[in-house]
PDB file of N, CA and C in Angstrom:
ATOM      1  N   UNK A   1      80.106  81.453 -46.206  1.00  0.00           N
ATOM      2  CA  UNK A   1      80.275  80.219 -45.454  1.00  0.00           C
ATOM      3  C   UNK A   1      81.369  80.434 -44.417  1.00  0.00           C
ATOM      4  N   UNK A   2      81.110  80.107 -43.124  1.00  0.00           N
ATOM      5  CA  UNK A   2      82.111  80.315 -42.093  1.00  0.00           C
ATOM      6  C   UNK A   2      83.292  79.390 -42.286  1.00  0.00           C
ATOM      7  N   UNK A   3      84.463  79.911 -41.985  1.00  0.00           N
ATOM      8  CA  UNK A   3      85.678  79.114 -42.114  1.00  0.00           C
ATOM      9  C   UNK A   3      85.907  78.329 -40.833  1.00  0.00           C
ATOM     10  N   UNK A   4      86.495  77.167 -40.999  1.00  0.00           N
ATOM     11  CA  UNK A   4      86.816  76.332 -39.858  1.00  0.00           C
ATOM     12  C   UNK A   4      88.056  76.870 -39.167  1.00  0.00           C
ATOM     13  N   UNK A   5      88.107  76.684 -37.871  1.00  0.00           N
ATOM     14  CA  UNK A   5      89.313  77.042 -37.133  1.00  0.00           C
ATOM     15  C   UNK A   5      90.439  76.107 -37.565  1.00  0.00           C
ATOM     16  N   UNK A   6      91.650  76.623 -37.525  1.00  0.00           N
ATOM     17  CA  UNK A   6      92.802  75.850 -37.995  1.00  0.00           C
ATOM     18  C   UNK A   6      93.011  74.570 -37.198  1.00  0.00           C
ATOM     19  N   UNK A   7      92.616  74.564 -35.941  1.00  0.00           N
ATOM     20  CA  UNK A   7      92.849  73.384 -35.124  1.00  0.00           C
ATOM     21  C   UNK A   7      91.693  72.388 -35.133  1.00  0.00           C
ATOM     22  N   UNK A   8      90.617  72.651 -35.860  1.00  0.00           N
ATOM     23  CA  UNK A   8      89.492  71.727 -35.964  1.00  0.00           C
ATOM     24  C   UNK A   8      89.860  70.577 -36.887  1.00  0.00           C
ATOM     25  N   UNK A   9      89.566  69.336 -36.482  1.00  0.00           N
ATOM     26  CA  UNK A   9      89.869  68.204 -37.361  1.00  0.00           C
ATOM     27  C   UNK A   9      88.923  68.177 -38.554  1.00  0.00           C
ATOM     28  N   UNK A  10      89.398  67.591 -39.640  1.00  0.00           N
ATOM     29  CA  UNK A  10      88.542  67.451 -40.813  1.00  0.00           C
ATOM     30  C   UNK A  10      87.452  66.438 -40.485  1.00  0.00           C
ATOM     31  N   UNK A  11      86.342  66.454 -41.236  1.00  0.00           N
ATOM     32  CA  UNK A  11      85.284  65.470 -40.983  1.00  0.00           C
ATOM     33  C   UNK A  11      85.793  64.030 -41.090  1.00  0.00           C
ATOM     34  N   UNK A  12      86.734  63.788 -42.013  1.00  0.00           N
ATOM     35  CA  UNK A  12      87.275  62.437 -42.178  1.00  0.00           C
ATOM     36  C   UNK A  12      88.086  62.044 -40.945  1.00  0.00           C
ATOM     37  N   UNK A  13      88.935  62.946 -40.475  1.00  0.00           N
ATOM     38  CA  UNK A  13      89.734  62.668 -39.288  1.00  0.00           C
ATOM     39  C   UNK A  13      88.841  62.481 -38.080  1.00  0.00           C
ATOM     40  N   UNK A  14      87.839  63.337 -37.944  1.00  0.00           N
ATOM     41  CA  UNK A  14      86.902  63.227 -36.829  1.00  0.00           C
ATOM     42  C   UNK A  14      86.173  61.884 -36.879  1.00  0.00           C
ATOM     43  N   UNK A  15      85.766  61.463 -38.069  1.00  0.00           N
ATOM     44  CA  UNK A  15      85.091  60.172 -38.223  1.00  0.00           C
ATOM     45  C   UNK A  15      86.010  59.038 -37.797  1.00  0.00           C
ATOM     46  N   UNK A  16      87.243  59.064 -38.284  1.00  0.00           N
ATOM     47  CA  UNK A  16      88.180  57.983 -37.974  1.00  0.00           C
ATOM     48  C   UNK A  16      88.483  57.924 -36.477  1.00  0.00           C
ATOM     49  N   UNK A  17      88.662  59.077 -35.854  1.00  0.00           N
ATOM     50  CA  UNK A  17      88.926  59.108 -34.419  1.00  0.00           C
ATOM     51  C   UNK A  17      87.712  58.616 -33.633  1.00  0.00           C
ATOM     52  N   UNK A  18      86.525  59.040 -34.043  1.00  0.00           N
ATOM     53  CA  UNK A  18      85.307  58.609 -33.359  1.00  0.00           C
ATOM     54  C   UNK A  18      85.098  57.112 -33.517  1.00  0.00           C
ATOM     55  N   UNK A  19      85.351  56.598 -34.705  1.00  0.00           N
ATOM     56  CA  UNK A  19      85.183  55.169 -34.952  1.00  0.00           C
ATOM     57  C   UNK A  19      86.185  54.355 -34.135  1.00  0.00           C
ATOM     58  N   UNK A  20      87.435  54.808 -34.087  1.00  0.00           N
ATOM     59  CA  UNK A  20      88.446  54.126 -33.273  1.00  0.00           C
ATOM     60  C   UNK A  20      88.042  54.117 -31.801  1.00  0.00           C
ATOM     61  N   UNK A  21      87.591  55.269 -31.306  1.00  0.00           N
ATOM     62  CA  UNK A  21      87.172  55.357 -29.907  1.00  0.00           C
ATOM     63  C   UNK A  21      85.980  54.441 -29.639  1.00  0.00           C
ATOM     64  N   UNK A  22      85.051  54.376 -30.574  1.00  0.00           N
ATOM     65  CA  UNK A  22      83.879  53.521 -30.427  1.00  0.00           C
ATOM     66  C   UNK A  22      84.290  52.050 -30.395  1.00  0.00           C
ATOM     67  N   UNK A  23      85.205  51.654 -31.272  1.00  0.00           N
ATOM     68  CA  UNK A  23      85.670  50.275 -31.299  1.00  0.00           C
ATOM     69  C   UNK A  23      86.370  49.902 -29.989  1.00  0.00           C
ATOM     70  N   UNK A  24      87.189  50.801 -29.458  1.00  0.00           N
ATOM     71  CA  UNK A  24      87.866  50.544 -28.190  1.00  0.00           C
ATOM     72  C   UNK A  24      86.865  50.432 -27.045  1.00  0.00           C
ATOM     73  N   UNK A  25      85.858  51.280 -27.072  1.00  0.00           N
ATOM     74  CA  UNK A  25      84.832  51.257 -26.043  1.00  0.00           C
ATOM     75  C   UNK A  25      84.058  49.947 -26.074  1.00  0.00           C
ATOM     76  N   UNK A  26      83.697  49.502 -27.258  1.00  0.00           N
ATOM     77  CA  UNK A  26      82.959  48.247 -27.400  1.00  0.00           C
ATOM     78  C   UNK A  26      83.820  47.082 -26.898  1.00  0.00           C
ATOM     79  N   UNK A  27      85.096  47.109 -27.236  1.00  0.00           N
ATOM     80  CA  UNK A  27      85.997  46.044 -26.786  1.00  0.00           C
ATOM     81  C   UNK A  27      86.057  45.979 -25.257  1.00  0.00           C
ATOM     82  N   UNK A  28      86.157  47.132 -24.607  1.00  0.00           N
ATOM     83  CA  UNK A  28      86.175  47.176 -23.136  1.00  0.00           C
ATOM     84  C   UNK A  28      84.874  46.618 -22.565  1.00  0.00           C
ATOM     85  N   UNK A  29      83.764  47.014 -23.168  1.00  0.00           N
ATOM     86  CA  UNK A  29      82.468  46.575 -22.664  1.00  0.00           C
ATOM     87  C   UNK A  29      82.280  45.076 -22.862  1.00  0.00           C
ATOM     88  N   UNK A  30      82.818  44.530 -23.943  1.00  0.00           N
ATOM     89  CA  UNK A  30      82.666  43.101 -24.221  1.00  0.00           C
ATOM     90  C   UNK A  30      83.403  42.239 -23.203  1.00  0.00           C
ATOM     91  N   UNK A  31      84.423  42.778 -22.575  1.00  0.00           N
ATOM     92  CA  UNK A  31      85.168  42.010 -21.576  1.00  0.00           C
ATOM     93  C   UNK A  31      84.358  41.818 -20.300  1.00  0.00           C
ATOM     94  N   UNK A  32      83.338  42.649 -20.091  1.00  0.00           N
ATOM     95  CA  UNK A  32      82.436  42.486 -18.962  1.00  0.00           C
ATOM     96  C   UNK A  32      83.037  42.776 -17.605  1.00  0.00           C
ATOM     97  N   UNK A  33      84.108  43.526 -17.557  1.00  0.00           N
ATOM     98  CA  UNK A  33      84.767  43.805 -16.286  1.00  0.00           C
ATOM     99  C   UNK A  33      84.446  45.200 -15.755  1.00  0.00           C
ATOM    100  N   UNK A  34      83.453  45.854 -16.313  1.00  0.00           N
ATOM    101  CA  UNK A  34      83.093  47.203 -15.896  1.00  0.00           C
ATOM    102  C   UNK A  34      81.939  47.140 -14.907  1.00  0.00           C
ATOM    103  N   UNK A  35      81.914  48.097 -13.984  1.00  0.00           N
ATOM    104  CA  UNK A  35      80.778  48.189 -13.071  1.00  0.00           C
ATOM    105  C   UNK A  35      79.557  48.642 -13.870  1.00  0.00           C
ATOM    106  N   UNK A  36      78.406  48.519 -13.253  1.00  0.00           N
ATOM    107  CA  UNK A  36      77.181  48.957 -13.921  1.00  0.00           C
ATOM    108  C   UNK A  36      77.255  50.440 -14.245  1.00  0.00           C
ATOM    109  N   UNK A  37      77.732  51.244 -13.301  1.00  0.00           N
ATOM    110  CA  UNK A  37      77.846  52.695 -13.524  1.00  0.00           C
ATOM    111  C   UNK A  37      78.789  52.997 -14.686  1.00  0.00           C
ATOM    112  N   UNK A  38      79.930  52.314 -14.721  1.00  0.00           N
ATOM    113  CA  UNK A  38      80.895  52.512 -15.810  1.00  0.00           C
ATOM    114  C   UNK A  38      80.318  52.035 -17.146  1.00  0.00           C
ATOM    115  N   UNK A  39      79.577  50.943 -17.096  1.00  0.00           N
ATOM    116  CA  UNK A  39      78.955  50.422 -18.321  1.00  0.00           C
ATOM    117  C   UNK A  39      77.933  51.399 -18.885  1.00  0.00           C
ATOM    118  N   UNK A  40      77.134  51.987 -18.003  1.00  0.00           N
ATOM    119  CA  UNK A  40      76.143  52.963 -18.460  1.00  0.00           C
ATOM    120  C   UNK A  40      76.812  54.198 -19.047  1.00  0.00           C
ATOM    121  N   UNK A  41      77.874  54.671 -18.397  1.00  0.00           N
ATOM    122  CA  UNK A  41      78.604  55.832 -18.910  1.00  0.00           C
ATOM    123  C   UNK A  41      79.247  55.496 -20.266  1.00  0.00           C
ATOM    124  N   UNK A  42      79.787  54.288 -20.375  1.00  0.00           N
ATOM    125  CA  UNK A  42      80.411  53.867 -21.628  1.00  0.00           C
ATOM    126  C   UNK A  42      79.371  53.756 -22.737  1.00  0.00           C
ATOM    127  N   UNK A  43      78.203  53.227 -22.402  1.00  0.00           N
ATOM    128  CA  UNK A  43      77.132  53.111 -23.382  1.00  0.00           C
ATOM    129  C   UNK A  43      76.701  54.491 -23.874  1.00  0.00           C
ATOM    130  N   UNK A  44      76.550  55.419 -22.933  1.00  0.00           N
ATOM    131  CA  UNK A  44      76.156  56.780 -23.301  1.00  0.00           C
ATOM    132  C   UNK A  44      77.203  57.415 -24.224  1.00  0.00           C
ATOM    133  N   UNK A  45      78.464  57.240 -23.882  1.00  0.00           N
ATOM    134  CA  UNK A  45      79.543  57.766 -24.739  1.00  0.00           C
ATOM    135  C   UNK A  45      79.512  57.091 -26.108  1.00  0.00           C
ATOM    136  N   UNK A  46      79.258  55.805 -26.123  1.00  0.00           N
ATOM    137  CA  UNK A  46      79.187  55.064 -27.379  1.00  0.00           C
ATOM    138  C   UNK A  46      78.082  55.568 -28.294  1.00  0.00           C
ATOM    139  N   UNK A  47      76.936  55.878 -27.714  1.00  0.00           N
ATOM    140  CA  UNK A  47      75.823  56.420 -28.510  1.00  0.00           C
ATOM    141  C   UNK A  47      76.235  57.756 -29.130  1.00  0.00           C
ATOM    142  N   UNK A  48      76.900  58.589 -28.341  1.00  0.00           N
ATOM    143  CA  UNK A  48      77.373  59.873 -28.875  1.00  0.00           C
ATOM    144  C   UNK A  48      78.380  59.685 -30.000  1.00  0.00           C
ATOM    145  N   UNK A  49      79.299  58.742 -29.825  1.00  0.00           N
ATOM    146  CA  UNK A  49      80.291  58.466 -30.877  1.00  0.00           C
ATOM    147  C   UNK A  49      79.619  57.923 -32.129  1.00  0.00           C
ATOM    148  N   UNK A  50      78.651  57.033 -31.943  1.00  0.00           N
ATOM    149  CA  UNK A  50      77.911  56.485 -33.078  1.00  0.00           C
ATOM    150  C   UNK A  50      77.225  57.601 -33.867  1.00  0.00           C
ATOM    151  N   UNK A  51      76.612  58.522 -33.155  1.00  0.00           N
ATOM    152  CA  UNK A  51      75.913  59.627 -33.822  1.00  0.00           C
ATOM    153  C   UNK A  51      76.892  60.520 -34.580  1.00  0.00           C
ATOM    154  N   UNK A  52      78.063  60.759 -33.998  1.00  0.00           N
ATOM    155  CA  UNK A  52      79.079  61.558 -34.698  1.00  0.00           C
ATOM    156  C   UNK A  52      79.518  60.861 -35.978  1.00  0.00           C
ATOM    157  N   UNK A  53      79.709  59.549 -35.908  1.00  0.00           N
ATOM    158  CA  UNK A  53      80.103  58.790 -37.094  1.00  0.00           C
ATOM    159  C   UNK A  53      79.007  58.851 -38.155  1.00  0.00           C
ATOM    160  N   UNK A  54      77.774  58.673 -37.730  1.00  0.00           N
ATOM    161  CA  UNK A  54      76.649  58.701 -38.666  1.00  0.00           C
ATOM    162  C   UNK A  54      76.542  60.064 -39.341  1.00  0.00           C
ATOM    163  N   UNK A  55      76.698  61.133 -38.583  1.00  0.00           N
ATOM    164  CA  UNK A  55      76.642  62.482 -39.136  1.00  0.00           C
ATOM    165  C   UNK A  55      77.765  62.703 -40.141  1.00  0.00           C
ATOM    166  N   UNK A  56      78.962  62.238 -39.799  1.00  0.00           N
ATOM    167  CA  UNK A  56      80.099  62.391 -40.712  1.00  0.00           C
ATOM    168  C   UNK A  56      79.866  61.629 -42.011  1.00  0.00           C
ATOM    169  N   UNK A  57      79.292  60.436 -41.926  1.00  0.00           N
ATOM    170  CA  UNK A  57      78.993  59.664 -43.135  1.00  0.00           C
ATOM    171  C   UNK A  57      77.939  60.354 -43.989  1.00  0.00           C
ATOM    172  N   UNK A  58      76.932  60.920 -43.353  1.00  0.00           N
ATOM    173  CA  UNK A  58      75.895  61.638 -44.088  1.00  0.00           C
ATOM    174  C   UNK A  58      76.475  62.863 -44.789  1.00  0.00           C
ATOM    175  N   UNK A  59      77.374  63.576 -44.117  1.00  0.00           N
ATOM    176  CA  UNK A  59      78.016  64.742 -44.729  1.00  0.00           C
ATOM    177  C   UNK A  59      78.885  64.322 -45.905  1.00  0.00           C
ATOM    178  N   UNK A  60      79.589  63.207 -45.761  1.00  0.00           N
ATOM    179  CA  UNK A  60      80.428  62.717 -46.856  1.00  0.00           C
ATOM    180  C   UNK A  60      79.570  62.336 -48.060  1.00  0.00           C
ATOM    181  N   UNK A  61      78.451  61.684 -47.799  1.00  0.00           N
ATOM    182  CA  UNK A  61      77.573  61.302 -48.901  1.00  0.00           C
ATOM    183  C   UNK A  61      77.011  62.540 -49.600  1.00  0.00           C
ATOM    184  N   UNK A  62      76.655  63.537 -48.826  1.00  0.00           N
ATOM    185  CA  UNK A  62      76.140  64.779 -49.404  1.00  0.00           C
ATOM    186  C   UNK A  62      77.197  65.426 -50.295  1.00  0.00           C
ATOM    187  N   UNK A  63      78.436  65.453 -49.838  1.00  0.00           N
ATOM    188  CA  UNK A  63      79.525  66.018 -50.642  1.00  0.00           C
ATOM    189  C   UNK A  63      79.695  65.244 -51.945  1.00  0.00           C
ATOM    190  N   UNK A  64      79.616  63.915 -51.870  1.00  0.00           N
ATOM    191  CA  UNK A  64      79.741  63.095 -53.079  1.00  0.00           C
ATOM    192  C   UNK A  64      78.608  63.399 -54.050  1.00  0.00           C
ATOM    193  N   UNK A  65      77.396  63.525 -53.517  1.00  0.00           N
ATOM    194  CA  UNK A  65      76.257  63.848 -54.396  1.00  0.00           C
ATOM    195  C   UNK A  65      76.435  65.212 -55.052  1.00  0.00           C
ATOM    196  N   UNK A  66      76.924  66.187 -54.281  1.00  0.00           N
ATOM    197  CA  UNK A  66      77.154  67.514 -54.850  1.00  0.00           C
ATOM    198  C   UNK A  66      78.223  67.467 -55.931  1.00  0.00           C
ATOM    199  N   UNK A  67      79.264  66.690 -55.708  1.00  0.00           N
ATOM    200  CA  UNK A  67      80.328  66.569 -56.710  1.00  0.00           C
ATOM    201  C   UNK A  67      79.867  65.783 -57.935  1.00  0.00           C
ATOM    202  N   UNK A  68      78.984  64.819 -57.714  1.00  0.00           N
ATOM    203  CA  UNK A  68      78.503  63.979 -58.813  1.00  0.00           C
ATOM    204  C   UNK A  68      77.567  64.729 -59.752  1.00  0.00           C
ATOM    205  N   UNK A  69      76.785  65.646 -59.208  1.00  0.00           N
ATOM    206  CA  UNK A  69      75.821  66.369 -60.035  1.00  0.00           C
ATOM    207  C   UNK A  69      75.781  67.844 -59.645  1.00  0.00           C
ATOM    208  N   UNK A  70      76.846  68.601 -59.976  1.00  0.00           N
ATOM    209  CA  UNK A  70      76.884  70.012 -59.586  1.00  0.00           C
ATOM    210  C   UNK A  70      75.828  70.852 -60.308  1.00  0.00           C
ATOM    211  N   UNK A  71      75.275  70.356 -61.409  1.00  0.00           N
ATOM    212  CA  UNK A  71      74.249  71.096 -62.146  1.00  0.00           C
ATOM    213  C   UNK A  71      72.903  71.060 -61.445  1.00  0.00           C
ATOM    214  N   UNK A  72      72.717  70.081 -60.556  1.00  0.00           N
ATOM    215  CA  UNK A  72      71.441  69.951 -59.848  1.00  0.00           C
ATOM    216  C   UNK A  72      71.695  69.800 -58.354  1.00  0.00           C
ATOM    217  N   UNK A  73      72.169  70.878 -57.691  1.00  0.00           N
ATOM    218  CA  UNK A  73      72.477  70.769 -56.265  1.00  0.00           C
ATOM    219  C   UNK A  73      71.249  70.481 -55.407  1.00  0.00           C
ATOM    220  N   UNK A  74      70.060  70.770 -55.929  1.00  0.00           N
ATOM    221  CA  UNK A  74      68.846  70.501 -55.155  1.00  0.00           C
ATOM    222  C   UNK A  74      68.639  69.002 -54.968  1.00  0.00           C
ATOM    223  N   UNK A  75      69.209  68.190 -55.860  1.00  0.00           N
ATOM    224  CA  UNK A  75      69.056  66.741 -55.730  1.00  0.00           C
ATOM    225  C   UNK A  75      69.933  66.189 -54.617  1.00  0.00           C
ATOM    226  N   UNK A  76      70.860  66.976 -54.115  1.00  0.00           N
ATOM    227  CA  UNK A  76      71.770  66.538 -53.058  1.00  0.00           C
ATOM    228  C   UNK A  76      71.110  66.777 -51.705  1.00  0.00           C
ATOM    229  N   UNK A  77      70.344  65.805 -51.274  1.00  0.00           N
ATOM    230  CA  UNK A  77      69.687  65.867 -49.982  1.00  0.00           C
ATOM    231  C   UNK A  77      70.327  64.836 -49.070  1.00  0.00           C
ATOM    232  N   UNK A  78      70.299  65.071 -47.770  1.00  0.00           N
ATOM    233  CA  UNK A  78      70.865  64.089 -46.851  1.00  0.00           C
ATOM    234  C   UNK A  78      70.207  62.729 -47.041  1.00  0.00           C
ATOM    235  N   UNK A  79      70.997  61.696 -46.898  1.00  0.00           N
ATOM    236  CA  UNK A  79      70.534  60.326 -47.059  1.00  0.00           C
ATOM    237  C   UNK A  79      69.625  59.936 -45.901  1.00  0.00           C
ATOM    238  N   UNK A  80      68.530  59.310 -46.223  1.00  0.00           N
ATOM    239  CA  UNK A  80      67.633  58.806 -45.183  1.00  0.00           C
ATOM    240  C   UNK A  80      67.251  57.367 -45.499  1.00  0.00           C
ATOM    241  N   UNK A  81      68.229  56.583 -45.916  1.00  0.00           N
ATOM    242  CA  UNK A  81      68.007  55.228 -46.403  1.00  0.00           C
ATOM    243  C   UNK A  81      67.406  54.268 -45.398  1.00  0.00           C
ATOM    244  N   UNK A  82      67.909  54.273 -44.169  1.00  0.00           N
ATOM    245  CA  UNK A  82      67.433  53.322 -43.183  1.00  0.00           C
ATOM    246  C   UNK A  82      66.138  53.825 -42.556  1.00  0.00           C
ATOM    247  N   UNK A  83      65.139  52.964 -42.428  1.00  0.00           N
ATOM    248  CA  UNK A  83      63.902  53.395 -41.790  1.00  0.00           C
ATOM    249  C   UNK A  83      64.126  53.726 -40.314  1.00  0.00           C
ATOM    250  N   UNK A  84      65.226  53.248 -39.745  1.00  0.00           N
ATOM    251  CA  UNK A  84      65.528  53.513 -38.341  1.00  0.00           C
ATOM    252  C   UNK A  84      66.538  54.633 -38.166  1.00  0.00           C
ATOM    253  N   UNK A  85      66.827  55.384 -39.212  1.00  0.00           N
ATOM    254  CA  UNK A  85      67.837  56.435 -39.147  1.00  0.00           C
ATOM    255  C   UNK A  85      67.525  57.457 -38.072  1.00  0.00           C
ATOM    256  N   UNK A  86      66.267  57.748 -37.837  1.00  0.00           N
ATOM    257  CA  UNK A  86      65.913  58.733 -36.813  1.00  0.00           C
ATOM    258  C   UNK A  86      65.997  58.157 -35.416  1.00  0.00           C
ATOM    259  N   UNK A  87      66.127  56.835 -35.291  1.00  0.00           N
ATOM    260  CA  UNK A  87      66.211  56.183 -33.990  1.00  0.00           C
ATOM    261  C   UNK A  87      67.605  56.259 -33.402  1.00  0.00           C
ATOM    262  N   UNK A  88      68.601  56.581 -34.214  1.00  0.00           N
ATOM    263  CA  UNK A  88      69.991  56.552 -33.754  1.00  0.00           C
ATOM    264  C   UNK A  88      70.288  57.580 -32.712  1.00  0.00           C
TER     265      UNK A  88
END
Protein backbone atom coordinates (compact mmCIF):
# COMPACT_ATOMS: atom_id res chain seq x y z
CA UNK A 1 0.00 0.00 0.00
CA UNK A 2 1.50 3.39 -0.99
CA UNK A 3 2.32 5.73 1.84
CA UNK A 4 0.87 9.19 1.99
CA UNK A 5 3.14 12.18 1.69
CA UNK A 6 3.80 13.86 5.02
CA UNK A 7 2.15 17.08 3.91
CA UNK A 8 -1.10 15.45 2.68
CA UNK A 9 -4.08 16.15 4.94
CA UNK A 10 -5.89 13.25 6.54
CA UNK A 11 -9.27 12.31 5.03
CA UNK A 12 -10.97 13.77 8.12
CA UNK A 13 -9.10 17.07 7.83
CA UNK A 14 -9.75 17.18 4.09
CA UNK A 15 -13.46 16.55 4.71
CA UNK A 16 -13.68 19.28 7.34
CA UNK A 17 -11.85 21.80 5.16
CA UNK A 18 -13.99 20.94 2.13
CA UNK A 19 -17.18 21.20 4.16
CA UNK A 20 -16.15 24.57 5.61
CA UNK A 21 -15.29 25.87 2.14
CA UNK A 22 -18.61 24.59 0.79
CA UNK A 23 -20.56 26.28 3.59
CA UNK A 24 -18.76 29.59 2.96
CA UNK A 25 -19.42 29.30 -0.75
CA UNK A 26 -23.12 28.65 -0.21
CA UNK A 27 -23.33 31.62 2.14
CA UNK A 28 -21.77 33.92 -0.49
CA UNK A 29 -24.12 32.62 -3.16
CA UNK A 30 -27.18 33.09 -0.93
CA UNK A 31 -26.44 36.80 -0.62
CA UNK A 32 -27.08 37.12 -4.36
CA UNK A 33 -24.39 39.72 -4.94
CA UNK A 34 -22.32 37.67 -7.39
CA UNK A 35 -22.28 38.13 -11.14
CA UNK A 36 -23.61 35.32 -13.28
CA UNK A 37 -20.05 34.33 -14.24
CA UNK A 38 -18.95 34.29 -10.59
CA UNK A 39 -22.07 32.34 -9.62
CA UNK A 40 -21.39 29.69 -12.24
CA UNK A 41 -17.76 29.37 -11.14
CA UNK A 42 -18.87 29.15 -7.50
CA UNK A 43 -21.45 26.50 -8.36
CA UNK A 44 -18.84 24.46 -10.21
CA UNK A 45 -16.46 24.71 -7.24
CA UNK A 46 -19.30 23.75 -4.91
CA UNK A 47 -20.04 20.59 -6.89
CA UNK A 48 -16.37 19.62 -6.65
CA UNK A 49 -16.34 20.25 -2.90
CA UNK A 50 -19.55 18.27 -2.47
CA UNK A 51 -18.03 15.32 -4.32
CA UNK A 52 -14.89 15.46 -2.16
CA UNK A 53 -17.04 15.42 0.97
CA UNK A 54 -19.11 12.53 -0.33
CA UNK A 55 -15.98 10.53 -1.19
CA UNK A 56 -14.50 11.18 2.25
CA UNK A 57 -17.72 10.01 3.93
CA UNK A 58 -17.78 6.85 1.82
CA UNK A 59 -14.15 6.12 2.74
CA UNK A 60 -14.92 6.67 6.42
CA UNK A 61 -17.87 4.31 6.25
CA UNK A 62 -15.74 1.68 4.53
CA UNK A 63 -13.12 1.97 7.28
CA UNK A 64 -15.82 1.56 9.94
CA UNK A 65 -17.17 -1.54 8.19
CA UNK A 66 -13.67 -3.01 7.97
CA UNK A 67 -13.09 -2.34 11.67
CA UNK A 68 -16.52 -3.70 12.60
CA UNK A 69 -16.05 -7.02 10.83
CA UNK A 70 -12.36 -7.73 10.14
CA UNK A 71 -13.16 -11.45 9.69
CA UNK A 72 -15.25 -10.70 6.60
CA UNK A 73 -13.52 -7.88 4.70
CA UNK A 74 -15.46 -8.81 1.56
CA UNK A 75 -18.62 -7.49 3.24
CA UNK A 76 -17.02 -4.03 3.40
CA UNK A 77 -18.22 -2.54 0.15
CA UNK A 78 -18.68 1.16 -0.56
CA UNK A 79 -22.06 2.47 0.51
CA UNK A 80 -24.58 3.03 -2.25
CA UNK A 81 -27.58 3.88 -0.08
CA UNK A 82 -29.04 6.79 -2.01
CA UNK A 83 -30.60 5.97 -5.37
CA UNK A 84 -29.18 9.30 -6.57
CA UNK A 85 -25.63 8.62 -5.36
CA UNK A 86 -24.35 8.36 -8.92
CA UNK A 87 -25.96 11.71 -9.80
CA UNK A 88 -23.67 13.66 -7.47
